[in-house]
Amino acid sequence: MISIQFFARYREALGSDGERLQWDASLASVNDVRQHLLARGGAWEVLAEQNLMCARNQELCGLDEPVSDGDEVAFFPTVTGG
């Protein structure tokens, strides 16, 4: 299983702070997980944002980061301050 967490605006848009997906070889990277979620359409398209940030096992990473069974993947928008 992969635990997926959504933060800030993504959590609000999706109406959920996370879910669990059964891991399989097609979910080999963070981007594969994102594409799997995007395929749902509708509100999930919020994850198509170009400036999306992500983490694997609570460490910032790129979309090409490998994913294994038991990992946690998090998606969150970039943070700006003033």
PDB file of N, CA and C in Angstrom:
ATOM      1  N   MET A   1       0.839  -1.194   0.000  1.00  0.00           N
ATOM      2  CA  MET A   1       0.000   0.000   0.000  1.00  0.00           C
ATOM      3  C   MET A   1       0.875   1.245   0.000  1.00  0.00           C
ATOM      4  N   ILE A   2       0.366   2.267  -0.643  1.00  0.00           N
ATOM      5  CA  ILE A   2       0.995   3.588  -0.637  1.00  0.00           C
ATOM      6  C   ILE A   2       0.022   4.532   0.066  1.00  0.00           C
ATOM      7  N   SER A   3       0.527   5.265   1.038  1.00  0.00           N
ATOM      8  CA  SER A   3      -0.274   6.306   1.685  1.00  0.00           C
ATOM      9  C   SER A   3      -0.060   7.599   0.928  1.00  0.00           C
ATOM     10  N   ILE A   4      -1.143   8.263   0.585  1.00  0.00           N
ATOM     11  CA  ILE A   4      -1.060   9.518  -0.152  1.00  0.00           C
ATOM     12  C   ILE A   4      -1.696  10.607   0.704  1.00  0.00           C
ATOM     13  N   GLN A   5      -0.978  11.719   0.834  1.00  0.00           N
ATOM     14  CA  GLN A   5      -1.446  12.843   1.625  1.00  0.00           C
ATOM     15  C   GLN A   5      -1.603  14.064   0.725  1.00  0.00           C
ATOM     16  N   PHE A   6      -2.651  14.841   0.985  1.00  0.00           N
ATOM     17  CA  PHE A   6      -2.901  16.082   0.252  1.00  0.00           C
ATOM     18  C   PHE A   6      -2.923  17.218   1.258  1.00  0.00           C
ATOM     19  N   PHE A   7      -2.271  18.323   0.917  1.00  0.00           N
ATOM     20  CA  PHE A   7      -2.169  19.437   1.850  1.00  0.00           C
ATOM     21  C   PHE A   7      -2.681  20.735   1.242  1.00  0.00           C
ATOM     22  N   ALA A   8      -3.064  21.639   2.126  1.00  0.00           N
ATOM     23  CA  ALA A   8      -3.473  23.005   1.800  1.00  0.00           C
ATOM     24  C   ALA A   8      -4.590  23.022   0.754  1.00  0.00           C
ATOM     25  N   ARG A   9      -4.391  23.776  -0.295  1.00  0.00           N
ATOM     26  CA  ARG A   9      -5.409  23.956  -1.339  1.00  0.00           C
ATOM     27  C   ARG A   9      -5.811  22.635  -1.989  1.00  0.00           C
ATOM     28  N   TYR A  10      -4.878  21.699  -2.106  1.00  0.00           N
ATOM     29  CA  TYR A  10      -5.209  20.404  -2.716  1.00  0.00           C
ATOM     30  C   TYR A  10      -6.194  19.633  -1.836  1.00  0.00           C
ATOM     31  N   ARG A  11      -5.966  19.656  -0.546  1.00  0.00           N
ATOM     32  CA  ARG A  11      -6.886  18.988   0.377  1.00  0.00           C
ATOM     33  C   ARG A  11      -8.280  19.586   0.253  1.00  0.00           C
ATOM     34  N   GLU A  12      -8.355  20.903   0.154  1.00  0.00           N
ATOM     35  CA  GLU A  12      -9.652  21.571   0.027  1.00  0.00           C
ATOM     36  C   GLU A  12     -10.329  21.219  -1.289  1.00  0.00           C
ATOM     37  N   ALA A  13      -9.584  21.242  -2.384  1.00  0.00           N
ATOM     38  CA  ALA A  13     -10.153  20.957  -3.707  1.00  0.00           C
ATOM     39  C   ALA A  13     -10.643  19.514  -3.815  1.00  0.00           C
ATOM     40  N   LEU A  14      -9.914  18.596  -3.181  1.00  0.00           N
ATOM     41  CA  LEU A  14     -10.252  17.181  -3.293  1.00  0.00           C
ATOM     42  C   LEU A  14     -11.208  16.714  -2.189  1.00  0.00           C
ATOM     43  N   GLY A  15     -11.388  17.538  -1.164  1.00  0.00           N
ATOM     44  CA  GLY A  15     -12.277  17.159  -0.062  1.00  0.00           C
ATOM     45  C   GLY A  15     -11.746  15.993   0.739  1.00  0.00           C
ATOM     46  N   SER A  16     -10.424  15.839   0.751  1.00  0.00           N
ATOM     47  CA  SER A  16      -9.810  14.716   1.462  1.00  0.00           C
ATOM     48  C   SER A  16      -8.384  15.085   1.841  1.00  0.00           C
ATOM     49  N   ASP A  17      -7.931  14.582   2.992  1.00  0.00           N
ATOM     50  CA  ASP A  17      -6.536  14.824   3.360  1.00  0.00           C
ATOM     51  C   ASP A  17      -5.633  13.662   2.955  1.00  0.00           C
ATOM     52  N   GLY A  18      -6.229  12.597   2.424  1.00  0.00           N
ATOM     53  CA  GLY A  18      -5.392  11.494   1.958  1.00  0.00           C
ATOM     54  C   GLY A  18      -6.177  10.232   1.668  1.00  0.00           C
ATOM     55  N   GLU A  19      -5.439   9.260   1.168  1.00  0.00           N
ATOM     56  CA  GLU A  19      -6.026   7.949   0.878  1.00  0.00           C
ATOM     57  C   GLU A  19      -4.901   6.930   0.761  1.00  0.00           C
ATOM     58  N   ARG A  20      -5.281   5.695   0.570  1.00  0.00           N
ATOM     59  CA  ARG A  20      -4.313   4.627   0.387  1.00  0.00           C
ATOM     60  C   ARG A  20      -4.593   3.943  -0.943  1.00  0.00           C
ATOM     61  N   LEU A  21      -3.511   3.646  -1.659  1.00  0.00           N
ATOM     62  CA  LEU A  21      -3.604   2.933  -2.929  1.00  0.00           C
ATOM     63  C   LEU A  21      -2.849   1.623  -2.819  1.00  0.00           C
ATOM     64  N   GLN A  22      -3.392   0.606  -3.427  1.00  0.00           N
ATOM     65  CA  GLN A  22      -2.664  -0.655  -3.520  1.00  0.00           C
ATOM     66  C   GLN A  22      -1.470  -0.436  -4.440  1.00  0.00           C
ATOM     67  N   TRP A  23      -0.260  -0.743  -3.978  1.00  0.00           N
ATOM     68  CA  TRP A  23       0.930  -0.543  -4.797  1.00  0.00           C
ATOM     69  C   TRP A  23       1.037  -1.642  -5.835  1.00  0.00           C
ATOM     70  N   ASP A  24       1.450  -1.264  -7.045  1.00  0.00           N
ATOM     71  CA  ASP A  24       1.823  -2.244  -8.061  1.00  0.00           C
ATOM     72  C   ASP A  24       2.915  -1.618  -8.918  1.00  0.00           C
ATOM     73  N   ALA A  25       3.503  -2.389  -9.807  1.00  0.00           N
ATOM     74  CA  ALA A  25       4.659  -1.942 -10.583  1.00  0.00           C
ATOM     75  C   ALA A  25       4.364  -0.723 -11.456  1.00  0.00           C
ATOM     76  N   SER A  26       3.099  -0.461 -11.766  1.00  0.00           N
ATOM     77  CA  SER A  26       2.773   0.711 -12.584  1.00  0.00           C
ATOM     78  C   SER A  26       2.914   2.008 -11.784  1.00  0.00           C
ATOM     79  N   LEU A  27       3.050   1.918 -10.480  1.00  0.00           N
ATOM     80  CA  LEU A  27       3.222   3.088  -9.610  1.00  0.00           C
ATOM     81  C   LEU A  27       4.678   3.167  -9.155  1.00  0.00           C
ATOM     82  N   ALA A  28       5.591   3.228 -10.119  1.00  0.00           N
ATOM     83  CA  ALA A  28       7.020   3.144  -9.828  1.00  0.00           C
ATOM     84  C   ALA A  28       7.645   4.467  -9.391  1.00  0.00           C
ATOM     85  N   SER A  29       6.957   5.592  -9.648  1.00  0.00           N
ATOM     86  CA  SER A  29       7.501   6.901  -9.273  1.00  0.00           C
ATOM     87  C   SER A  29       6.391   7.790  -8.728  1.00  0.00           C
ATOM     88  N   VAL A  30       6.800   8.882  -8.124  1.00  0.00           N
ATOM     89  CA  VAL A  30       5.818   9.850  -7.620  1.00  0.00           C
ATOM     90  C   VAL A  30       4.952  10.347  -8.776  1.00  0.00           C
ATOM     91  N   ASN A  31       5.561  10.566  -9.924  1.00  0.00           N
ATOM     92  CA  ASN A  31       4.770  11.021 -11.069  1.00  0.00           C
ATOM     93  C   ASN A  31       3.770   9.958 -11.521  1.00  0.00           C
ATOM     94  N   ASP A  32       4.129   8.690 -11.448  1.00  0.00           N
ATOM     95  CA  ASP A  32       3.176   7.626 -11.789  1.00  0.00           C
ATOM     96  C   ASP A  32       1.964   7.677 -10.863  1.00  0.00           C
ATOM     97  N   VAL A  33       2.199   7.930  -9.595  1.00  0.00           N
ATOM     98  CA  VAL A  33       1.096   8.061  -8.629  1.00  0.00           C
ATOM     99  C   VAL A  33       0.237   9.265  -9.010  1.00  0.00           C
ATOM    100  N   ARG A  34       0.892  10.376  -9.318  1.00  0.00           N
ATOM    101  CA  ARG A  34       0.158  11.583  -9.712  1.00  0.00           C
ATOM    102  C   ARG A  34      -0.673  11.330 -10.968  1.00  0.00           C
ATOM    103  N   GLN A  35      -0.093  10.691 -11.971  1.00  0.00           N
ATOM    104  CA  GLN A  35      -0.821  10.413 -13.213  1.00  0.00           C
ATOM    105  C   GLN A  35      -2.018   9.491 -12.956  1.00  0.00           C
ATOM    106  N   HIS A  36      -1.848   8.528 -12.065  1.00  0.00           N
ATOM    107  CA  HIS A  36      -2.950   7.629 -11.690  1.00  0.00           C
ATOM    108  C   HIS A  36      -4.119   8.440 -11.109  1.00  0.00           C
ATOM    109  N   LEU A  37      -3.803   9.400 -10.253  1.00  0.00           N
ATOM    110  CA  LEU A  37      -4.842  10.239  -9.652  1.00  0.00           C
ATOM    111  C   LEU A  37      -5.447  11.195 -10.674  1.00  0.00           C
ATOM    112  N   LEU A  38      -4.617  11.768 -11.541  1.00  0.00           N
ATOM    113  CA  LEU A  38      -5.113  12.682 -12.572  1.00  0.00           C
ATOM    114  C   LEU A  38      -6.095  12.001 -13.514  1.00  0.00           C
ATOM    115  N   ALA A  39      -5.904  10.721 -13.759  1.00  0.00           N
ATOM    116  CA  ALA A  39      -6.777   9.979 -14.674  1.00  0.00           C
ATOM    117  C   ALA A  39      -8.223   9.951 -14.188  1.00  0.00           C
ATOM    118  N   ARG A  40      -8.441  10.267 -12.925  1.00  0.00           N
ATOM    119  CA  ARG A  40      -9.803  10.302 -12.381  1.00  0.00           C
ATOM    120  C   ARG A  40     -10.589  11.499 -12.923  1.00  0.00           C
ATOM    121  N   GLY A  41      -9.879  12.527 -13.396  1.00  0.00           N
ATOM    122  CA  GLY A  41     -10.532  13.711 -13.947  1.00  0.00           C
ATOM    123  C   GLY A  41     -11.161  14.583 -12.878  1.00  0.00           C
ATOM    124  N   GLY A  42     -11.932  15.538 -13.313  1.00  0.00           N
ATOM    125  CA  GLY A  42     -12.638  16.437 -12.394  1.00  0.00           C
ATOM    126  C   GLY A  42     -11.701  17.182 -11.463  1.00  0.00           C
ATOM    127  N   ALA A  43     -12.032  17.202 -10.194  1.00  0.00           N
ATOM    128  CA  ALA A  43     -11.255  17.937  -9.195  1.00  0.00           C
ATOM    129  C   ALA A  43      -9.807  17.467  -9.127  1.00  0.00           C
ATOM    130  N   TRP A  44      -9.559  16.222  -9.526  1.00  0.00           N
ATOM    131  CA  TRP A  44      -8.194  15.665  -9.458  1.00  0.00           C
ATOM    132  C   TRP A  44      -7.223  16.409 -10.363  1.00  0.00           C
ATOM    133  N   GLU A  45      -7.742  17.150 -11.333  1.00  0.00           N
ATOM    134  CA  GLU A  45      -6.876  17.879 -12.246  1.00  0.00           C
ATOM    135  C   GLU A  45      -6.081  18.980 -11.544  1.00  0.00           C
ATOM    136  N   VAL A  46      -6.437  19.295 -10.297  1.00  0.00           N
ATOM    137  CA  VAL A  46      -5.658  20.259  -9.525  1.00  0.00           C
ATOM    138  C   VAL A  46      -4.211  19.757  -9.369  1.00  0.00           C
ATOM    139  N   LEU A  47      -4.012  18.462  -9.415  1.00  0.00           N
ATOM    140  CA  LEU A  47      -2.667  17.897  -9.272  1.00  0.00           C
ATOM    141  C   LEU A  47      -1.834  18.022 -10.544  1.00  0.00           C
ATOM    142  N   ALA A  48      -2.405  18.588 -11.601  1.00  0.00           N
ATOM    143  CA  ALA A  48      -1.674  18.799 -12.849  1.00  0.00           C
ATOM    144  C   ALA A  48      -0.877  20.099 -12.835  1.00  0.00           C
ATOM    145  N   GLU A  49      -0.989  20.869 -11.784  1.00  0.00           N
ATOM    146  CA  GLU A  49      -0.294  22.146 -11.708  1.00  0.00           C
ATOM    147  C   GLU A  49       1.204  21.958 -11.913  1.00  0.00           C
ATOM    148  N   GLN A  50       1.789  22.865 -12.653  1.00  0.00           N
ATOM    149  CA  GLN A  50       3.204  22.785 -12.978  1.00  0.00           C
ATOM    150  C   GLN A  50       4.097  22.975 -11.755  1.00  0.00           C
ATOM    151  N   ASN A  51       3.673  23.791 -10.805  1.00  0.00           N
ATOM    152  CA  ASN A  51       4.502  24.091  -9.630  1.00  0.00           C
ATOM    153  C   ASN A  51       4.202  23.213  -8.426  1.00  0.00           C
ATOM    154  N   LEU A  52       3.560  22.104  -8.642  1.00  0.00           N
ATOM    155  CA  LEU A  52       3.233  21.171  -7.571  1.00  0.00           C
ATOM    156  C   LEU A  52       4.501  20.729  -6.840  1.00  0.00           C
ATOM    157  N   MET A  53       4.424  20.621  -5.553  1.00  0.00           N
ATOM    158  CA  MET A  53       5.542  20.097  -4.757  1.00  0.00           C
ATOM    159  C   MET A  53       5.152  18.726  -4.240  1.00  0.00           C
ATOM    160  N   CYS A  54       6.158  17.910  -3.987  1.00  0.00           N
ATOM    161  CA  CYS A  54       5.867  16.564  -3.515  1.00  0.00           C
ATOM    162  C   CYS A  54       6.946  16.096  -2.541  1.00  0.00           C
ATOM    163  N   ALA A  55       6.583  15.076  -1.790  1.00  0.00           N
ATOM    164  CA  ALA A  55       7.512  14.471  -0.839  1.00  0.00           C
ATOM    165  C   ALA A  55       7.273  12.968  -0.823  1.00  0.00           C
ATOM    166  N   ARG A  56       8.341  12.251  -0.576  1.00  0.00           N
ATOM    167  CA  ARG A  56       8.261  10.793  -0.373  1.00  0.00           C
ATOM    168  C   ARG A  56       8.820  10.513   1.007  1.00  0.00           C
ATOM    169  N   ASN A  57       8.038   9.854   1.823  1.00  0.00           N
ATOM    170  CA  ASN A  57       8.439   9.531   3.199  1.00  0.00           C
ATOM    171  C   ASN A  57       8.929  10.773   3.949  1.00  0.00           C
ATOM    172  N   GLN A  58       8.179  11.851   3.792  1.00  0.00           N
ATOM    173  CA  GLN A  58       8.360  13.117   4.499  1.00  0.00           C
ATOM    174  C   GLN A  58       9.643  13.845   4.136  1.00  0.00           C
ATOM    175  N   GLU A  59      10.187  13.570   2.930  1.00  0.00           N
ATOM    176  CA  GLU A  59      11.342  14.305   2.423  1.00  0.00           C
ATOM    177  C   GLU A  59      10.993  14.856   1.046  1.00  0.00           C
ATOM    178  N   LEU A  60      11.230  16.155   0.849  1.00  0.00           N
ATOM    179  CA  LEU A  60      10.959  16.756  -0.453  1.00  0.00           C
ATOM    180  C   LEU A  60      11.669  15.972  -1.549  1.00  0.00           C
ATOM    181  N   CYS A  61      11.004  15.854  -2.677  1.00  0.00           N
ATOM    182  CA  CYS A  61      11.583  15.099  -3.788  1.00  0.00           C
ATOM    183  C   CYS A  61      11.034  15.622  -5.104  1.00  0.00           C
ATOM    184  N   GLY A  62      11.551  15.095  -6.186  1.00  0.00           N
ATOM    185  CA  GLY A  62      11.049  15.409  -7.507  1.00  0.00           C
ATOM    186  C   GLY A  62      10.032  14.374  -7.936  1.00  0.00           C
ATOM    187  N   LEU A  63       9.358  14.658  -9.026  1.00  0.00           N
ATOM    188  CA  LEU A  63       8.347  13.733  -9.530  1.00  0.00           C
ATOM    189  C   LEU A  63       8.953  12.415 -10.006  1.00  0.00           C
ATOM    190  N   ASP A  64      10.251  12.407 -10.291  1.00  0.00           N
ATOM    191  CA  ASP A  64      10.901  11.185 -10.760  1.00  0.00           C
ATOM    192  C   ASP A  64      11.346  10.264  -9.619  1.00  0.00           C
ATOM    193  N   GLU A  65      11.068  10.651  -8.386  1.00  0.00           N
ATOM    194  CA  GLU A  65      11.450   9.853  -7.216  1.00  0.00           C
ATOM    195  C   GLU A  65      10.783   8.482  -7.262  1.00  0.00           C
ATOM    196  N   PRO A  66      11.554   7.406  -7.072  1.00  0.00           N
ATOM    197  CA  PRO A  66      10.966   6.057  -7.062  1.00  0.00           C
ATOM    198  C   PRO A  66      10.028   5.870  -5.867  1.00  0.00           C
ATOM    199  N   VAL A  67       9.020   5.041  -6.055  1.00  0.00           N
ATOM    200  CA  VAL A  67       8.055   4.724  -5.002  1.00  0.00           C
ATOM    201  C   VAL A  67       8.035   3.214  -4.808  1.00  0.00           C
ATOM    202  N   SER A  68       7.989   2.801  -3.549  1.00  0.00           N
ATOM    203  CA  SER A  68       7.930   1.383  -3.207  1.00  0.00           C
ATOM    204  C   SER A  68       6.721   1.110  -2.324  1.00  0.00           C
ATOM    205  N   ASP A  69       6.366  -0.133  -2.234  1.00  0.00           N
ATOM    206  CA  ASP A  69       5.280  -0.550  -1.351  1.00  0.00           C
ATOM    207  C   ASP A  69       5.594  -0.075   0.070  1.00  0.00           C
ATOM    208  N   GLY A  70       4.617   0.532   0.726  1.00  0.00           N
ATOM    209  CA  GLY A  70       4.780   1.019   2.089  1.00  0.00           C
ATOM    210  C   GLY A  70       5.172   2.481   2.194  1.00  0.00           C
ATOM    211  N   ASP A  71       5.472   3.129   1.069  1.00  0.00           N
ATOM    212  CA  ASP A  71       5.869   4.535   1.091  1.00  0.00           C
ATOM    213  C   ASP A  71       4.680   5.460   1.337  1.00  0.00           C
ATOM    214  N   GLU A  72       5.012   6.670   1.766  1.00  0.00           N
ATOM    215  CA  GLU A  72       4.040   7.748   1.874  1.00  0.00           C
ATOM    216  C   GLU A  72       4.418   8.798   0.837  1.00  0.00           C
ATOM    217  N   VAL A  73       3.445   9.234   0.051  1.00  0.00           N
ATOM    218  CA  VAL A  73       3.637  10.280  -0.953  1.00  0.00           C
ATOM    219  C   VAL A  73       2.732  11.443  -0.584  1.00  0.00           C
ATOM    220  N   ALA A  74       3.285  12.652  -0.611  1.00  0.00           N
ATOM    221  CA  ALA A  74       2.497  13.837  -0.281  1.00  0.00           C
ATOM    222  C   ALA A  74       2.570  14.839  -1.424  1.00  0.00           C
ATOM    223  N   PHE A  75       1.439  15.496  -1.677  1.00  0.00           N
ATOM    224  CA  PHE A  75       1.357  16.540  -2.688  1.00  0.00           C
ATOM    225  C   PHE A  75       0.901  17.827  -2.021  1.00  0.00           C
ATOM    226  N   PHE A  76       1.556  18.941  -2.368  1.00  0.00           N
ATOM    227  CA  PHE A  76       1.171  20.230  -1.802  1.00  0.00           C
ATOM    228  C   PHE A  76       1.587  21.343  -2.760  1.00  0.00           C
ATOM    229  N   PRO A  77       0.833  22.444  -2.739  1.00  0.00           N
ATOM    230  CA  PRO A  77       1.174  23.562  -3.621  1.00  0.00           C
ATOM    231  C   PRO A  77       2.409  24.292  -3.087  1.00  0.00           C
ATOM    232  N   THR A  78       3.046  25.027  -3.981  1.00  0.00           N
ATOM    233  CA  THR A  78       4.180  25.844  -3.533  1.00  0.00           C
ATOM    234  C   THR A  78       3.679  26.880  -2.542  1.00  0.00           C
ATOM    235  N   VAL A  79       4.547  27.257  -1.657  1.00  0.00           N
ATOM    236  CA  VAL A  79       4.195  28.217  -0.610  1.00  0.00           C
ATOM    237  C   VAL A  79       4.870  29.531  -0.944  1.00  0.00           C
ATOM    238  N   THR A  80       4.100  30.614  -0.867  1.00  0.00           N
ATOM    239  CA  THR A  80       4.679  31.929  -1.066  1.00  0.00           C
ATOM    240  C   THR A  80       4.436  32.750   0.182  1.00  0.00           C
ATOM    241  N   GLY A  81       5.303  33.660   0.407  1.00  0.00           N
ATOM    242  CA  GLY A  81       5.158  34.509   1.583  1.00  0.00           C
ATOM    243  C   GLY A  81       5.398  35.962   1.210  1.00  0.00           C
ATOM    244  N   GLY A  82       5.144  36.824   2.135  1.00  0.00           N
ATOM    245  CA  GLY A  82       5.321  38.232   1.817  1.00  0.00           C
ATOM    246  C   GLY A  82       5.847  39.008   2.939  1.00  0.00           C
TER     247      GLY A  82
END
